[in-house]
Amino acid sequence: MSSIRKFPVFKIIVILLLVAIVISLVSVFLAPKQREKVKVYWKRALVADSLSIDFPNLELDNYIVDVLKKAGYEVDFFYGSEVDLKLYSELTNYSLVILRVHGGKAVVKTPEGIVIRVNGLFTGLPWSEEYSYLKTAWLVARARPYGLNKTYLAVLLRFFEVYLRSKFNEDSVVIVASCYSLFTEEMADTLAEKGLSIFIGWEEAVSLHHMDLALKELIDNVFLKGMSWDEAVRCVNEELGPDPISGEKLKIIIYRR
């Protein structure tokens, strides 16, 4: 019969302490870095404008931030290249999200003949091959804005499925001022599965001037005129009419009231 070697109690305690220390250190290094503000407030808003790199409208950004602050919101404002993957992964920290970004779409046919419609939201980061492993996993895409000779990193539907770990607060709203944010509703549906109540955006292409006018009027309708979100969207479309170039109208999806 083989014998069982008995360790002194002191040595066992030392070994257990060392294991605990190693686990703690690994956890520290693997834990995602957090921005300074991590507490989720009922009235906390995000205004993120990566479109500003190519088509700046700081006057509109400042106006929206000012209106929201006067309405009692704590507002975080991110501009240009500050709109990155980490920010997209933190959308659930906010009860109101306003994204002014490039948007893109694609229609892909699989080898089996299945047609897939996809859309993406641009970051403010230029495309780099360092993101290729994320592209292979269908988390991000290399995206080119219409009419511009440059490429950006864009997030796809699956990015939100994987990296949005927490839930949106009740009655949360996401407004995406971009082309094709509702080209397929799957991205909005994914955010709704994370607790989102309302998604507002455009299905097809929208001209920059019309989009910015609509965004300003939408904010005015809700925070200065006291309208509900669906009333505000309806009034925007009635007042401005469809985009004179594309014929596109602002759309809203209400998942829960």
Protein backbone atom coordinates (compact mmCIF):
# COMPACT_ATOMS: atom_id res chain seq x y z
CA MET A 1 0.00 0.00 0.00
CA SER A 2 1.41 3.36 -0.93
CA SER A 3 1.84 5.81 1.88
CA ILE A 4 0.30 9.29 2.00
CA ARG A 5 2.78 12.02 2.70
CA LYS A 6 1.55 14.49 5.29
CA PHE A 7 2.46 18.16 4.90
CA PRO A 8 2.91 20.37 7.92
CA VAL A 9 -0.06 22.67 8.46
CA PHE A 10 2.19 25.74 8.21
CA LYS A 11 3.37 24.77 4.70
CA ILE A 12 -0.21 24.16 3.54
CA ILE A 13 -1.24 27.62 4.73
CA VAL A 14 1.72 29.24 2.94
CA ILE A 15 0.91 27.42 -0.31
CA LEU A 16 -2.76 28.46 -0.15
CA LEU A 17 -1.77 32.07 0.45
CA LEU A 18 0.59 32.04 -2.54
CA VAL A 19 -2.14 30.58 -4.78
CA ALA A 20 -4.58 33.25 -3.63
CA ILE A 21 -2.04 36.00 -4.38
CA VAL A 22 -1.38 34.65 -7.88
CA ILE A 23 -5.11 34.44 -8.65
CA SER A 24 -5.59 38.02 -7.42
CA LEU A 25 -2.75 39.31 -9.61
CA VAL A 26 -4.08 37.52 -12.70
CA SER A 27 -7.53 38.96 -12.06
CA VAL A 28 -6.09 42.47 -11.87
CA PHE A 29 -4.27 42.14 -15.17
CA LEU A 30 -7.17 40.51 -17.00
CA ALA A 31 -9.87 42.83 -15.69
CA PRO A 32 -10.86 45.46 -18.31
CA LYS A 33 -9.68 48.97 -17.54
CA GLN A 34 -12.51 51.27 -16.52
CA ARG A 35 -12.95 54.93 -17.32
CA GLU A 36 -13.07 57.32 -14.40
CA LYS A 37 -16.87 57.35 -14.29
CA VAL A 38 -18.38 53.91 -13.97
CA LYS A 39 -21.45 54.46 -11.80
CA VAL A 40 -24.70 54.19 -13.72
CA TYR A 41 -27.07 57.06 -13.05
CA TRP A 42 -30.74 57.23 -13.98
CA LYS A 43 -30.11 60.54 -15.77
CA ARG A 44 -26.73 59.93 -17.33
CA ALA A 45 -26.25 60.70 -21.01
CA LEU A 46 -23.60 59.97 -23.60
CA VAL A 47 -23.02 62.25 -26.58
CA ALA A 48 -20.44 60.68 -28.92
CA ASP A 49 -19.43 62.26 -32.23
CA SER A 50 -16.88 60.45 -34.38
CA LEU A 51 -18.43 61.93 -37.53
CA SER A 52 -16.73 65.15 -36.41
CA ILE A 53 -13.45 63.89 -37.88
CA ASP A 54 -14.80 64.36 -41.41
CA PHE A 55 -17.88 66.55 -40.88
CA PRO A 56 -17.57 68.52 -37.64
CA ASN A 57 -20.55 70.24 -36.06
CA LEU A 58 -19.29 71.24 -32.65
CA GLU A 59 -22.03 73.85 -32.38
CA LEU A 60 -24.64 71.08 -32.48
CA ASP A 61 -22.67 68.92 -30.04
CA ASN A 62 -22.35 71.76 -27.54
CA TYR A 63 -26.02 72.64 -27.93
CA ILE A 64 -27.16 69.08 -27.19
CA VAL A 65 -24.84 68.78 -24.20
CA ASP A 66 -26.12 72.08 -22.82
CA VAL A 67 -29.80 71.12 -23.25
CA LEU A 68 -29.25 67.77 -21.54
CA LYS A 69 -27.39 69.32 -18.62
CA LYS A 70 -30.19 71.82 -18.11
CA ALA A 71 -32.59 68.86 -18.14
CA GLY A 72 -30.70 67.39 -15.21
CA TYR A 73 -28.46 64.90 -16.98
CA GLU A 74 -24.88 64.12 -16.14
CA VAL A 75 -23.35 64.20 -19.64
CA ASP A 76 -20.22 62.49 -20.97
CA PHE A 77 -19.02 63.88 -24.31
CA PHE A 78 -16.64 61.95 -26.57
CA TYR A 79 -15.25 63.42 -29.77
CA GLY A 80 -13.41 62.06 -32.81
CA SER A 81 -11.02 59.20 -32.05
CA GLU A 82 -12.32 59.05 -28.46
CA VAL A 83 -15.23 57.07 -29.90
CA ASP A 84 -13.56 53.67 -29.68
CA LEU A 85 -14.34 50.04 -28.97
CA LYS A 86 -14.24 50.59 -25.23
CA LEU A 87 -16.86 53.31 -25.43
CA TYR A 88 -19.16 51.10 -27.50
CA SER A 89 -18.78 48.38 -24.88
CA GLU A 90 -19.96 50.82 -22.17
CA LEU A 91 -23.24 52.01 -23.73
CA THR A 92 -25.23 50.31 -20.98
CA ASN A 93 -23.72 52.77 -18.47
CA TYR A 94 -26.10 55.41 -19.86
CA SER A 95 -29.85 55.96 -19.85
CA LEU A 96 -29.59 58.15 -22.98
CA VAL A 97 -27.09 57.52 -25.79
CA ILE A 98 -26.68 59.89 -28.75
CA LEU A 99 -24.26 58.72 -31.45
CA ARG A 100 -23.33 60.97 -34.37
CA VAL A 101 -21.27 58.57 -36.46
CA HIS A 102 -20.70 57.18 -39.92
CA GLY A 103 -22.82 54.14 -40.69
CA GLY A 104 -22.38 51.42 -43.27
CA LYS A 105 -24.23 48.47 -44.77
CA ALA A 106 -23.55 45.34 -46.77
CA VAL A 107 -25.51 42.54 -48.36
CA VAL A 108 -23.55 39.29 -48.21
CA LYS A 109 -24.37 36.01 -49.94
CA THR A 110 -23.04 32.89 -48.23
CA PRO A 111 -21.73 29.84 -50.16
CA GLU A 112 -25.06 28.20 -49.31
CA GLY A 113 -26.89 30.99 -51.13
CA ILE A 114 -28.25 32.66 -48.00
CA VAL A 115 -28.45 36.46 -48.28
CA ILE A 116 -27.42 38.29 -45.12
CA ARG A 117 -27.99 41.99 -44.50
CA VAL A 118 -25.51 43.60 -42.12
CA ASN A 119 -24.88 47.11 -40.87
CA GLY A 120 -22.14 48.67 -38.80
CA LEU A 121 -21.41 51.77 -36.75
CA PHE A 122 -18.07 53.48 -37.21
CA THR A 123 -15.65 54.30 -34.45
CA GLY A 124 -13.33 57.27 -34.75
CA LEU A 125 -10.34 54.97 -35.16
CA PRO A 126 -8.60 54.37 -38.50
CA TRP A 127 -8.57 50.77 -39.63
CA SER A 128 -5.50 48.78 -38.65
CA GLU A 129 -4.55 45.17 -39.24
CA GLU A 130 -4.28 44.76 -35.48
CA TYR A 131 -8.09 44.42 -35.53
CA SER A 132 -8.03 41.55 -38.03
CA TYR A 133 -8.68 38.91 -35.38
CA LEU A 134 -11.86 40.76 -34.39
CA LYS A 135 -12.85 41.02 -38.05
CA THR A 136 -12.43 37.28 -38.50
CA ALA A 137 -14.84 36.74 -35.60
CA TRP A 138 -17.42 39.11 -37.21
CA LEU A 139 -17.13 41.53 -34.31
CA VAL A 140 -15.84 44.47 -36.36
CA ALA A 141 -15.34 45.46 -39.98
CA ARG A 142 -13.03 47.54 -42.12
CA ALA A 143 -15.38 50.27 -43.34
CA ARG A 144 -15.08 53.10 -45.84
CA PRO A 145 -17.37 56.16 -45.64
CA TYR A 146 -19.17 56.96 -48.86
CA GLY A 147 -17.16 59.36 -51.01
CA LEU A 148 -14.07 59.35 -48.77
CA ASN A 149 -10.76 57.66 -49.45
CA LYS A 150 -10.11 56.39 -45.92
CA THR A 151 -11.08 53.38 -43.85
CA TYR A 152 -12.27 53.14 -40.27
CA LEU A 153 -12.87 50.48 -37.66
CA ALA A 154 -16.60 49.78 -37.37
CA VAL A 155 -18.50 47.63 -34.89
CA LEU A 156 -20.96 44.97 -36.02
CA LEU A 157 -23.96 43.37 -34.35
CA ARG A 158 -21.93 40.58 -32.76
CA PHE A 159 -19.71 43.10 -30.98
CA PHE A 160 -22.66 44.14 -28.82
CA GLU A 161 -23.66 40.53 -28.24
CA VAL A 162 -20.19 39.75 -26.86
CA TYR A 163 -19.02 42.94 -25.16
CA LEU A 164 -22.15 44.52 -23.67
CA ARG A 165 -21.95 42.64 -20.39
CA SER A 166 -24.42 44.68 -18.31
CA LYS A 167 -28.02 45.78 -18.92
CA PHE A 168 -29.49 49.14 -19.87
CA ASN A 169 -31.52 50.99 -17.27
CA GLU A 170 -35.29 51.02 -17.58
CA ASP A 171 -36.62 53.51 -20.19
CA SER A 172 -33.20 53.85 -21.82
CA VAL A 173 -32.96 55.41 -25.28
CA VAL A 174 -30.35 55.10 -28.04
CA ILE A 175 -30.34 57.62 -30.91
CA VAL A 176 -28.01 56.85 -33.81
CA ALA A 177 -27.54 59.80 -36.13
CA SER A 178 -26.03 57.97 -39.09
CA CYS A 179 -26.93 56.32 -42.33
CA TYR A 180 -28.16 52.71 -42.18
CA SER A 181 -28.46 52.40 -38.39
CA LEU A 182 -31.76 50.59 -39.05
CA PHE A 183 -30.79 48.97 -42.37
CA THR A 184 -31.44 45.80 -40.43
CA GLU A 185 -33.21 45.91 -37.09
CA GLU A 186 -31.02 43.14 -35.67
CA MET A 187 -28.56 45.55 -34.05
CA ALA A 188 -31.39 47.43 -32.36
CA ASP A 189 -32.95 44.10 -31.34
CA THR A 190 -29.66 43.05 -29.74
CA LEU A 191 -29.57 46.23 -27.67
CA ALA A 192 -33.19 45.59 -26.70
CA GLU A 193 -32.17 42.16 -25.43
CA LYS A 194 -29.76 44.07 -23.17
CA GLY A 195 -32.67 46.08 -21.78
CA LEU A 196 -32.93 49.00 -24.24
CA SER A 197 -36.40 50.56 -24.44
CA ILE A 198 -36.21 52.80 -27.53
CA PHE A 199 -33.99 52.91 -30.64
CA ILE A 200 -34.13 55.85 -33.06
CA GLY A 201 -32.29 56.06 -36.37
CA TRP A 202 -32.40 55.97 -40.17
CA GLU A 203 -32.89 52.89 -42.31
CA GLU A 204 -31.17 54.13 -45.46
CA ALA A 205 -28.80 56.94 -46.43
CA VAL A 206 -29.51 60.40 -45.04
CA SER A 207 -27.85 63.69 -45.98
CA LEU A 208 -25.69 65.32 -43.34
CA HIS A 209 -27.63 68.59 -43.25
CA HIS A 210 -31.00 66.88 -42.88
CA MET A 211 -29.68 64.48 -40.25
CA ASP A 212 -28.27 67.26 -38.06
CA LEU A 213 -31.46 69.32 -38.36
CA ALA A 214 -33.54 66.30 -37.40
CA LEU A 215 -31.32 65.50 -34.42
CA LYS A 216 -31.55 69.04 -33.06
CA GLU A 217 -35.32 69.18 -33.50
CA LEU A 218 -35.71 65.76 -31.88
CA ILE A 219 -33.82 66.93 -28.79
CA ASP A 220 -35.82 70.18 -28.69
CA ASN A 221 -39.13 68.33 -28.96
CA VAL A 222 -38.38 66.04 -26.03
CA PHE A 223 -36.46 68.28 -23.64
CA LEU A 224 -37.83 71.74 -24.41
CA LYS A 225 -41.37 70.94 -25.54
CA GLY A 226 -42.01 67.94 -23.30
CA MET A 227 -42.99 65.47 -26.01
CA SER A 228 -42.67 61.71 -25.73
CA TRP A 229 -40.06 60.11 -27.99
CA ASP A 230 -42.59 58.76 -30.49
CA GLU A 231 -44.40 62.13 -30.62
CA ALA A 232 -41.05 63.87 -31.12
CA VAL A 233 -40.07 61.60 -34.04
CA ARG A 234 -43.47 62.08 -35.68
CA CYS A 235 -43.18 65.88 -35.37
CA VAL A 236 -39.64 65.86 -36.79
CA ASN A 237 -40.89 64.04 -39.88
CA GLU A 238 -43.90 66.33 -40.22
CA GLU A 239 -41.89 69.54 -39.79
CA LEU A 240 -38.85 68.64 -41.90
CA GLY A 241 -40.42 66.15 -44.28
CA PRO A 242 -38.32 63.40 -45.82
CA ASP A 243 -34.67 63.95 -46.68
CA PRO A 244 -34.79 65.98 -49.93
CA ILE A 245 -31.97 63.87 -51.39
CA SER A 246 -32.73 60.32 -50.27
CA GLY A 247 -36.38 60.58 -49.22
CA GLU A 248 -35.48 58.98 -45.89
CA LYS A 249 -37.45 59.63 -42.69
CA LEU A 250 -36.45 59.27 -39.06
CA LYS A 251 -37.66 55.99 -37.54
CA ILE A 252 -38.30 54.79 -34.00
CA ILE A 253 -38.63 51.31 -32.51
CA ILE A 254 -40.27 51.10 -29.09
CA TYR A 255 -39.46 47.84 -27.33
CA ARG A 256 -40.97 48.65 -23.96
CA ARG A 257 -42.73 51.62 -22.39
